[in-house]
Structure formats: structure tokens, C-alpha cells
Amino acid sequence: MSQTTTPPKPVAGRLLPSLLLLLTVFGPISMDLYLPALPALTVELGAATSIAQLTVTACLIGLAAGQLIAGPVSDRFGRRGILLVGVAAYIVTSTLCAISPNIEVLIIARLVQGLTGGVGVVIAQAAGRDVYSGGRLIRFYGRLTVTGAFAAIVGPLLGGLLTARVDWRGLFVVLAIIGAAILIATLLTFAETLPADHRVQGGFAQTVRDYRTLLADRVFLGAVLNQGFLWAAVFAYLAGATYVLQNIYGLSPQWYAAAFGLNSAGFAFFGWLGGRGAERWSITRTLATGILLAGLGAAGLLTSGFTPMPLWVVIASLFFLASGVAISAAPASTLALANYPQMAGTASSLLGTVRYGFGGVAAPFVGIAGATSILPLGVVTIVAVLLSAGACLLFAHRHASAADAEAGTAETTPTP
């Protein structure tokens, strides 16, 4: 199978793009809705801060592994069937999280919840690649970033409001309800985007060959590693900010949600800006701009760890960090996926696995010094951003100009 072969685009229904954007809420909503209640959960279950943060890590690892499985399976058997199974299982596992009797069971339930949630994330990217190309593909990935950020805004805000009426268990019930709504929408509007004659043949052996093809591509590898390290920084932020803003700076869950919502609004805006910049200016230069902005935010957090800073400095640093990652998402996703239309699920699964997997590894480190220090968050984020820049220099630099031109000038197929 040649990666340069471009199969004809399937016809997309009017509601399909909206549903694909909706599927992107799986990751951020699973992560963010219960974050305002994480300190209360820690106390109720009698867990150490670092152990409670493993509920974040478990979900991230599950999201990574779920995508690694779902992507290749959807390339072989189609998108719709695996999506329906994943969403139904997500509803069940969210309910299991709500009734967990102790922290150990909750960690396991969160792992499985992540596995099922990863299906929606990877199908959204892969099905988008099925129906879009060229400039439309860049814009679609920009919209994916904005939609994910919108879910990140709504998640903590809704979680903060709900904590005044329900405990953390009730928040997982809300996730189950959200999953049920997405299942109904999928049943009604998701038609298969990968026709049978365009699917990958050859079983596991072909999947292994596809992975080798992708990992041998330095542009793909550089873009994926860049995203992995940047998302490690942003998930460290997700795991640590609730303790920093509530325990160190004394914000209530509601004010924490408001501060988080402000930063997420920046994520949404700059995610849109990153998509427009990648399409109209330059894919690689837009990516570099995102790295620089994220580095500015990480440097502010590191400085705050060594010298106590006012609350506005910390919030601004978190804002720059999140916004920089958002700018990078559309150009990096385009670099990674544009040249692989026939293995979009497999390529998307590697991209998503690295994003969430690196995030799962990074998240526990922010709790090493307990709930009263911001320094670990600063160290983790600055190291992650530096490594993201290094990934571009080591793996993508030599081929950046060619990749930029090829991704930007790819065939544009009209879609509804």
C-alpha cells in the first residue's frame, strides 16, 4: 500500500462534521468535569494527593491505549461499528466510576473509561481525514482544537457549578448522561465514512507494516513527538492547576472553574488562530509560534515555583501555556496525517496515543511535592516544552519546507 495513493472522498452528510466535532469532547470532558472536585475526592477516599492524581493518569493512559487499538481496527473494519461499541462502553464505565468504593477501584474504572473514550477521539480525526483534504483538512483540525477547548471550558465550569449540588460521584453520572446523548446522535447521524473497498487488508501483519511506514517518516515522527511533549505539559497543567489554584491561592471550586474557563477560552481562540495561520501563512512557522508561546507560559510557572508570584502571574502563565499548545495542534496534526489517507485511523491512533500517553506519564510528577508547591508543575512544563522543540529540530527540520508545501497544496475536495 502506498501512502501517496489518495482514494476518492466519500460523500459526507450535513450533520457528520458537527458530530465529528462533538466526538472530540470525550477526552477533555472525561478529564475536566470532575477536576474541581478532585481535592474533595482525595479527602473522601482517604488518598494521598499523588495517588488521587493517578485517576487523571489512568484516564490519560486509557485514552492513549484506546486510540492505539481503535485506529487500526477502524481502518480494517470501518468507523461506525467500532464507534458505537466505544460510546456504549463509555456509558457503562462512567457509571462504574460513580459507584467506586475506594481509590483503587476508581483508578481501574478510570483506566477503562479512558479506553472507551479514546475510540471517539480517534474516529473523529480519522473520519475527518476520510472526508477532507487540503485547506479543508487544516480548517477541520483547527475546529477540532476549538471544539475540544470548548469542552474544556464547559467541563470545569459545569463541574464547579455541579459541586455545589452533587458530589464527585454525581459528576461521573453526568459523564454517563453525556455519553448517552452522544450515542443517540451517533446512531442517528453517523454514516460510514470508510467504504469497504478503501479499507486496509492483511490483518495484524499489515498493521505492523503501517506502523513501520509511519515511524520511518521523520516529518510524521517529529510532529507526533512534538504533540506528545506539548500535551504532556498541558495535562500536567490539568493535573496540577486544581491544587495550585485552590490549595495555594485559596480559590473556591467555582472560582477555580472560572479561572480555568478563562484559560480554556484562550485555548479555543488560539486553536482557531492556529488553524487559520497554518492554512494562510505557514504550517511549520505556526507550529514554531505555538512552541514559543507555550515556552513563555512554562517559564512563568517555573519562576513562580522559585519565587512566590501574584495570582495573576500564575493564571497568565497557564494561559500562555494552554494557548501555545492550542496553536500547535492544527499544523502538527496536518503534518502528521495529510500524507496518509489510506491509513488515517492508524496514523490518528499513533498521534492520539502519544498525546495522551505522554500526558499520563507527566501528570503524576506535579504531585511529587504534595499539594502546596508549584515548582514541580513549572519543572515538568518547561522540560516538556523544550523537548517538544527538540523533536521538531531533530526529526522534522530537514523536511519541514517540503512537508509544509505538500500539506498546504494537497488536493482540496469539496464536501458538504
Protein backbone atom coordinates (compact mmCIF):
# COMPACT_ATOMS: atom_id res chain seq x y z
CA MET A 1 0.00 0.00 0.00
CA SER A 2 1.39 3.35 -0.98
CA GLN A 3 0.93 6.32 1.30
CA THR A 4 0.72 8.63 -1.71
CA THR A 5 -2.42 6.98 -3.11
CA THR A 6 -5.47 9.16 -2.46
CA PRO A 7 -8.77 7.29 -2.54
CA PRO A 8 -11.91 9.11 -3.71
CA LYS A 9 -13.62 11.01 -0.94
CA PRO A 10 -16.92 9.62 0.41
CA VAL A 11 -19.94 11.89 0.45
CA ALA A 12 -20.46 13.40 3.89
CA GLY A 13 -23.90 14.11 5.30
CA ARG A 14 -24.71 17.58 6.51
CA LEU A 15 -24.60 16.64 10.18
CA LEU A 16 -21.47 14.49 10.03
CA PRO A 17 -18.94 17.33 10.54
CA SER A 18 -20.87 18.51 13.61
CA LEU A 19 -20.93 15.00 15.05
CA LEU A 20 -17.19 14.57 14.46
CA LEU A 21 -16.57 17.77 16.39
CA LEU A 22 -18.88 16.54 19.15
CA LEU A 23 -16.87 13.31 19.44
CA THR A 24 -13.83 15.36 20.44
CA VAL A 25 -15.47 16.10 23.81
CA PHE A 26 -14.64 12.57 25.01
CA GLY A 27 -11.10 13.46 26.01
CA PRO A 28 -11.48 16.89 27.62
CA ILE A 29 -14.87 16.25 29.24
CA SER A 30 -13.64 12.98 30.78
CA MET A 31 -10.65 14.83 32.17
CA ASP A 32 -12.11 18.17 33.17
CA LEU A 33 -15.60 17.73 34.56
CA TYR A 34 -14.51 16.26 37.87
CA LEU A 35 -11.31 18.29 38.36
CA PRO A 36 -12.96 20.89 40.65
CA ALA A 37 -13.96 18.01 42.94
CA LEU A 38 -10.56 16.30 42.90
CA PRO A 39 -9.45 17.71 46.29
CA ALA A 40 -12.77 16.61 47.84
CA LEU A 41 -12.42 13.19 46.24
CA THR A 42 -8.92 12.92 47.70
CA VAL A 43 -10.22 13.58 51.21
CA GLU A 44 -13.32 11.38 50.99
CA LEU A 45 -11.41 8.33 49.76
CA GLY A 46 -8.52 8.93 52.16
CA ALA A 47 -5.93 9.04 49.39
CA ALA A 48 -2.63 10.86 49.11
CA THR A 49 -2.50 13.69 46.58
CA SER A 50 -0.19 11.78 44.23
CA ILE A 51 -2.42 8.68 44.42
CA ALA A 52 -5.59 10.67 43.70
CA GLN A 53 -3.85 12.18 40.67
CA LEU A 54 -3.50 8.65 39.34
CA THR A 55 -7.19 8.90 38.47
CA VAL A 56 -6.09 11.52 35.95
CA THR A 57 -3.15 9.41 34.80
CA ALA A 58 -5.27 6.28 34.42
CA CYS A 59 -7.75 8.10 32.20
CA LEU A 60 -4.95 9.52 30.05
CA ILE A 61 -3.29 6.13 29.63
CA GLY A 62 -6.66 4.62 28.76
CA LEU A 63 -7.34 7.33 26.20
CA ALA A 64 -3.94 6.62 24.64
CA ALA A 65 -4.34 2.84 24.56
CA GLY A 66 -7.93 3.05 23.33
CA GLN A 67 -6.85 5.07 20.32
CA LEU A 68 -3.96 2.71 19.60
CA ILE A 69 -6.47 -0.14 19.32
CA ALA A 70 -9.40 1.65 17.71
CA GLY A 71 -7.45 3.35 14.91
CA PRO A 72 -6.13 0.25 13.12
CA VAL A 73 -9.37 -1.66 13.79
CA SER A 74 -11.39 1.13 12.15
CA ASP A 75 -9.01 1.16 9.16
CA ARG A 76 -9.82 -2.51 8.61
CA PHE A 77 -13.50 -2.81 9.58
CA GLY A 78 -14.84 0.72 9.17
CA ARG A 79 -15.52 3.63 11.51
CA ARG A 80 -19.17 3.26 12.52
CA GLY A 81 -19.21 -0.13 14.24
CA ILE A 82 -16.19 0.47 16.48
CA LEU A 83 -17.54 3.93 17.34
CA LEU A 84 -20.90 2.57 18.52
CA VAL A 85 -19.21 -0.07 20.68
CA GLY A 86 -16.86 2.51 22.19
CA VAL A 87 -19.58 5.02 23.09
CA ALA A 88 -21.81 2.34 24.64
CA ALA A 89 -18.91 1.05 26.73
CA TYR A 90 -18.10 4.61 27.82
CA ILE A 91 -21.56 4.94 29.34
CA VAL A 92 -21.09 1.74 31.34
CA THR A 93 -17.63 2.60 32.63
CA SER A 94 -18.66 6.14 33.62
CA THR A 95 -21.36 4.54 35.78
CA LEU A 96 -18.74 2.24 37.32
CA CYS A 97 -16.64 5.28 38.22
CA ALA A 98 -19.63 6.77 40.03
CA ILE A 99 -20.08 3.73 42.28
CA SER A 100 -16.40 3.03 43.01
CA PRO A 101 -15.99 2.19 46.73
CA ASN A 102 -12.31 3.17 47.03
CA ILE A 103 -9.48 4.88 45.21
CA GLU A 104 -8.07 1.64 43.79
CA VAL A 105 -11.34 0.69 42.09
CA LEU A 106 -11.77 4.25 40.83
CA ILE A 107 -8.31 4.22 39.24
CA ILE A 108 -9.12 0.97 37.41
CA ALA A 109 -12.53 2.28 36.33
CA ARG A 110 -10.93 5.47 35.05
CA LEU A 111 -8.46 3.41 33.01
CA VAL A 112 -11.31 1.55 31.32
CA GLN A 113 -13.27 4.78 30.89
CA GLY A 114 -10.28 6.22 29.06
CA LEU A 115 -10.00 3.12 26.85
CA THR A 116 -13.60 3.53 25.70
CA GLY A 117 -13.36 7.30 25.38
CA GLY A 118 -10.29 7.00 23.15
CA VAL A 119 -12.47 5.46 20.45
CA GLY A 120 -14.42 8.67 19.91
CA VAL A 121 -11.28 10.79 19.80
CA VAL A 122 -9.51 8.73 17.14
CA ILE A 123 -12.64 8.23 15.00
CA ALA A 124 -13.20 11.99 14.92
CA GLN A 125 -9.71 12.54 13.48
CA ALA A 126 -9.76 9.58 11.13
CA ALA A 127 -13.26 10.18 9.75
CA GLY A 128 -12.34 13.83 9.21
CA ARG A 129 -9.37 12.67 7.15
CA ASP A 130 -11.76 10.41 5.22
CA VAL A 131 -13.88 13.34 4.02
CA TYR A 132 -11.47 16.30 3.96
CA SER A 133 -8.14 17.19 2.33
CA GLY A 134 -6.00 20.25 1.63
CA GLY A 135 -7.16 23.52 3.15
CA ARG A 136 -10.42 21.97 4.33
CA LEU A 137 -8.45 19.40 6.32
CA ILE A 138 -6.40 22.12 8.03
CA ARG A 139 -9.56 24.05 8.89
CA PHE A 140 -11.21 20.89 10.21
CA TYR A 141 -8.31 20.16 12.56
CA GLY A 142 -8.46 23.77 13.70
CA ARG A 143 -12.14 23.30 14.50
CA LEU A 144 -11.33 20.09 16.36
CA THR A 145 -8.99 22.09 18.58
CA VAL A 146 -11.61 24.78 19.20
CA THR A 147 -14.30 22.21 19.99
CA GLY A 148 -12.02 20.38 22.39
CA ALA A 149 -11.27 23.67 24.07
CA PHE A 150 -14.98 24.48 24.30
CA ALA A 151 -15.49 21.17 26.09
CA ALA A 152 -12.56 22.07 28.33
CA ILE A 153 -14.32 25.36 29.16
CA VAL A 154 -17.70 23.78 29.79
CA GLY A 155 -16.24 20.82 31.72
CA PRO A 156 -14.70 22.61 34.72
CA LEU A 157 -17.33 25.35 34.71
CA LEU A 158 -20.10 22.76 34.78
CA GLY A 159 -18.14 20.71 37.29
CA GLY A 160 -17.66 23.73 39.54
CA LEU A 161 -21.38 24.53 39.42
CA LEU A 162 -22.39 20.93 39.98
CA THR A 163 -20.12 20.51 43.03
CA ALA A 164 -22.46 22.89 44.85
CA ARG A 165 -25.26 20.33 44.39
CA VAL A 166 -23.70 16.90 43.85
CA ASP A 167 -20.54 15.16 44.99
CA TRP A 168 -17.84 13.75 42.73
CA ARG A 169 -19.88 10.61 42.16
CA GLY A 170 -22.66 12.69 40.69
CA LEU A 171 -20.18 14.21 38.24
CA PHE A 172 -19.45 10.76 36.80
CA VAL A 173 -23.19 10.20 36.42
CA VAL A 174 -23.24 13.39 34.33
CA LEU A 175 -20.48 11.90 32.14
CA ALA A 176 -22.61 8.80 31.61
CA ILE A 177 -25.53 11.02 30.55
CA ILE A 178 -23.29 12.91 28.12
CA GLY A 179 -22.16 9.58 26.68
CA ALA A 180 -25.79 8.52 26.20
CA ALA A 181 -26.54 11.73 24.31
CA ILE A 182 -23.54 11.15 22.02
CA LEU A 183 -24.64 7.54 21.43
CA ILE A 184 -28.07 8.71 20.27
CA ALA A 185 -26.50 11.33 17.99
CA THR A 186 -24.15 8.71 16.53
CA LEU A 187 -26.98 6.27 15.82
CA LEU A 188 -28.96 8.98 14.06
CA THR A 189 -26.31 10.81 12.04
CA PHE A 190 -23.07 8.82 11.62
CA ALA A 191 -22.93 7.07 8.26
CA GLU A 192 -19.86 5.02 7.41
CA THR A 193 -17.06 7.26 6.07
CA LEU A 194 -14.68 4.47 5.01
CA PRO A 195 -16.19 2.32 2.22
CA ALA A 196 -15.30 -1.36 2.18
CA ASP A 197 -13.12 -1.06 -0.94
CA HIS A 198 -10.95 1.59 0.75
CA ARG A 199 -10.23 -0.40 3.89
CA VAL A 200 -6.88 -1.85 4.85
CA GLN A 201 -6.44 -5.57 4.20
CA GLY A 202 -3.96 -8.00 5.70
CA GLY A 203 -4.79 -8.10 9.40
CA PHE A 204 -2.22 -7.64 12.13
CA ALA A 205 0.75 -8.02 9.80
CA GLN A 206 -0.48 -5.12 7.69
CA THR A 207 -0.99 -3.02 10.83
CA VAL A 208 2.63 -3.64 11.81
CA ARG A 209 3.79 -2.63 8.33
CA ASP A 210 1.70 0.54 8.53
CA TYR A 211 3.26 1.44 11.87
CA ARG A 212 6.73 0.90 10.42
CA THR A 213 5.89 3.14 7.47
CA LEU A 214 4.69 5.90 9.76
CA LEU A 215 7.58 5.68 12.21
CA ALA A 216 10.10 5.78 9.37
CA ASP A 217 8.69 9.14 8.23
CA ARG A 218 10.69 11.83 10.01
CA VAL A 219 8.06 14.51 9.43
CA PHE A 220 5.35 12.29 10.92
CA LEU A 221 7.57 11.27 13.84
CA GLY A 222 8.67 14.82 14.56
CA ALA A 223 5.10 16.14 14.51
CA VAL A 224 3.83 13.34 16.74
CA LEU A 225 6.63 13.69 19.31
CA ASN A 226 6.13 17.45 19.31
CA GLN A 227 2.49 16.96 20.19
CA GLY A 228 3.28 14.32 22.77
CA PHE A 229 5.59 16.61 24.72
CA LEU A 230 3.32 19.65 24.40
CA TRP A 231 0.32 17.67 25.59
CA ALA A 232 2.42 16.34 28.46
CA ALA A 233 2.78 19.98 29.51
CA VAL A 234 -0.91 20.75 29.19
CA PHE A 235 -2.00 17.60 31.05
CA ALA A 236 0.47 18.38 33.80
CA TYR A 237 -1.37 21.70 33.97
CA LEU A 238 -4.72 19.88 34.18
CA ALA A 239 -3.50 17.64 36.98
CA GLY A 240 -1.70 20.33 38.98
CA ALA A 241 -3.66 23.55 38.47
CA THR A 242 -6.56 22.47 40.67
CA TYR A 243 -4.19 22.09 43.65
CA VAL A 244 -2.18 25.20 42.83
CA LEU A 245 -5.18 27.49 42.45
CA GLN A 246 -7.32 26.03 45.25
CA ASN A 247 -4.79 24.92 47.87
CA ILE A 248 -2.03 27.50 47.36
CA TYR A 249 -4.04 30.52 46.22
CA GLY A 250 -7.26 29.66 48.07
CA LEU A 251 -9.72 29.74 45.16
CA SER A 252 -13.10 28.07 45.65
CA PRO A 253 -14.10 25.32 43.19
CA GLN A 254 -16.30 27.85 41.41
CA TRP A 255 -13.54 30.47 41.09
CA TYR A 256 -11.12 27.76 40.04
CA ALA A 257 -13.57 26.78 37.30
CA ALA A 258 -13.80 30.43 36.23
CA ALA A 259 -10.00 30.79 36.03
CA PHE A 260 -9.77 27.51 34.17
CA GLY A 261 -12.52 28.65 31.82
CA LEU A 262 -10.60 31.84 31.02
CA ASN A 263 -7.54 29.84 30.06
CA SER A 264 -9.64 27.41 28.06
CA ALA A 265 -11.22 30.32 26.19
CA GLY A 266 -7.69 31.29 25.17
CA PHE A 267 -7.12 27.70 24.11
CA ALA A 268 -10.22 27.86 21.90
CA PHE A 269 -9.32 31.19 20.30
CA PHE A 270 -5.69 30.33 19.67
CA GLY A 271 -6.67 26.89 18.39
CA TRP A 272 -8.80 28.61 15.76
CA LEU A 273 -5.97 31.07 15.08
CA GLY A 274 -3.51 28.20 14.68
CA GLY A 275 -5.72 26.60 12.04
CA ARG A 276 -6.04 29.84 10.11
CA GLY A 277 -2.33 30.56 10.41
CA ALA A 278 -1.37 27.09 9.19
CA GLU A 279 -3.66 27.45 6.16
CA ARG A 280 -2.88 31.04 5.15
CA TRP A 281 0.66 31.62 6.45
CA SER A 282 2.84 28.57 7.08
CA ILE A 283 2.31 25.23 8.78
CA THR A 284 5.80 25.00 10.26
CA ARG A 285 6.04 28.66 11.28
CA THR A 286 2.66 28.48 13.00
CA LEU A 287 3.87 25.40 14.85
CA ALA A 288 7.03 27.24 15.94
CA THR A 289 4.93 30.16 17.18
CA GLY A 290 2.90 27.79 19.34
CA ILE A 291 6.03 26.29 20.88
CA LEU A 292 7.43 29.73 21.73
CA LEU A 293 4.19 30.86 23.39
CA ALA A 294 3.94 27.62 25.40
CA GLY A 295 7.55 28.09 26.46
CA LEU A 296 6.76 31.58 27.75
CA GLY A 297 3.98 30.17 29.90
CA ALA A 298 6.11 27.32 31.22
CA ALA A 299 8.90 29.76 32.10
CA GLY A 300 6.39 31.82 34.10
CA LEU A 301 5.30 28.75 36.07
CA LEU A 302 8.90 27.77 36.76
CA THR A 303 9.68 31.28 38.01
CA SER A 304 6.61 31.16 40.25
CA GLY A 305 7.93 27.93 41.73
CA PHE A 306 11.18 29.59 42.81
CA THR A 307 9.74 32.98 43.80
CA PRO A 308 6.16 33.49 45.06
CA MET A 309 4.18 35.38 42.42
CA PRO A 310 0.75 37.06 42.46
CA LEU A 311 -2.20 35.00 41.32
CA TRP A 312 -2.49 36.91 38.02
CA VAL A 313 1.04 35.88 37.03
CA VAL A 314 0.23 32.20 37.51
CA ILE A 315 -3.06 32.47 35.62
CA ALA A 316 -1.34 34.37 32.78
CA SER A 317 1.38 31.71 32.62
CA LEU A 318 -1.22 28.95 32.42
CA PHE A 319 -2.99 30.97 29.72
CA PHE A 320 0.14 31.24 27.57
CA LEU A 321 0.96 27.57 28.07
CA ALA A 322 -2.50 26.38 27.00
CA SER A 323 -2.71 28.85 24.12
CA GLY A 324 0.67 27.81 22.74
CA VAL A 325 -0.34 24.15 22.75
CA ALA A 326 -3.59 25.11 21.00
CA ILE A 327 -1.76 26.97 18.22
CA SER A 328 0.37 23.90 17.58
CA ALA A 329 -2.48 21.40 17.28
CA ALA A 330 -3.77 22.08 13.75
CA PRO A 331 -0.38 22.44 11.99
CA ALA A 332 1.13 19.42 13.77
CA SER A 333 -1.94 17.26 13.09
CA THR A 334 -1.83 18.26 9.41
CA LEU A 335 1.88 17.42 9.14
CA ALA A 336 1.24 14.04 10.75
CA LEU A 337 -1.87 12.95 8.85
CA ALA A 338 -2.04 14.75 5.49
CA ASN A 339 0.08 12.21 3.58
CA TYR A 340 -1.70 9.05 4.83
CA PRO A 341 -5.30 9.00 3.59
CA GLN A 342 -5.46 5.18 3.42
CA MET A 343 -4.25 4.64 6.96
CA ALA A 344 -5.84 7.65 8.62
CA GLY A 345 -7.08 5.59 11.57
CA THR A 346 -3.66 4.11 12.27
CA ALA A 347 -1.91 7.46 11.91
CA SER A 348 -4.52 9.16 14.10
CA SER A 349 -4.16 6.43 16.71
CA LEU A 350 -0.41 6.98 16.99
CA LEU A 351 -0.88 10.72 17.26
CA GLY A 352 -3.55 10.39 19.93
CA THR A 353 -1.70 7.65 21.81
CA VAL A 354 1.43 9.73 22.09
CA ARG A 355 -0.54 12.83 23.13
CA TYR A 356 -2.45 11.13 25.93
CA GLY A 357 0.28 8.64 26.80
CA PHE A 358 2.89 11.32 27.37
CA GLY A 359 0.29 13.28 29.33
CA GLY A 360 -0.40 10.26 31.52
CA VAL A 361 3.29 9.87 32.31
CA ALA A 362 3.77 13.57 33.10
CA ALA A 363 0.67 14.16 35.25
CA PRO A 364 1.78 12.36 38.46
CA PHE A 365 5.05 14.29 38.67
CA VAL A 366 3.27 17.53 39.52
CA GLY A 367 2.17 15.99 42.83
CA ILE A 368 5.61 14.88 43.98
CA ALA A 369 5.96 17.77 46.44
CA GLY A 370 2.37 17.44 47.68
CA ALA A 371 -0.43 19.96 47.22
CA THR A 372 1.43 23.05 48.44
CA SER A 373 4.17 23.60 45.83
CA ILE A 374 4.00 24.92 42.28
CA LEU A 375 7.63 24.10 41.48
CA PRO A 376 7.04 20.56 40.14
CA LEU A 377 4.45 21.94 37.71
CA GLY A 378 6.97 24.52 36.48
CA VAL A 379 9.72 21.93 36.05
CA VAL A 380 7.52 19.43 34.21
CA THR A 381 6.09 22.01 31.81
CA ILE A 382 9.39 23.70 30.92
CA VAL A 383 11.10 20.34 30.28
CA ALA A 384 8.17 19.16 28.16
CA VAL A 385 8.15 22.32 26.01
CA LEU A 386 11.91 22.15 25.47
CA LEU A 387 11.61 18.52 24.39
CA SER A 388 8.78 19.45 22.01
CA ALA A 389 11.04 21.99 20.33
CA GLY A 390 13.84 19.44 20.18
CA ALA A 391 11.53 16.93 18.47
CA CYS A 392 10.95 19.38 15.62
CA LEU A 393 14.65 20.14 15.26
CA LEU A 394 15.76 16.53 15.37
CA PHE A 395 13.07 14.83 13.28
CA ALA A 396 11.21 17.36 11.16
CA HIS A 397 13.62 20.19 10.37
CA ARG A 398 15.25 18.74 7.27
CA HIS A 399 11.93 18.03 5.61
CA ALA A 400 9.88 20.88 7.02
CA SER A 401 9.70 23.00 3.87
CA ALA A 402 8.71 20.08 1.66
CA ALA A 403 6.12 18.89 4.17
CA ASP A 404 4.72 22.40 4.51
CA ALA A 405 4.29 22.72 0.77
CA GLU A 406 2.85 19.24 0.31
CA ALA A 407 0.34 19.51 3.15
CA GLY A 408 -0.69 23.01 2.17
CA THR A 409 -1.16 22.27 -1.51
CA ALA A 410 -2.84 18.87 -1.17
CA GLU A 411 -5.97 18.19 -3.17
CA THR A 412 -9.00 20.05 -1.86
CA THR A 413 -12.17 18.04 -2.27
CA PRO A 414 -15.48 19.88 -1.84
CA THR A 415 -17.58 18.44 0.95
CA PRO A 416 -20.99 19.46 2.22
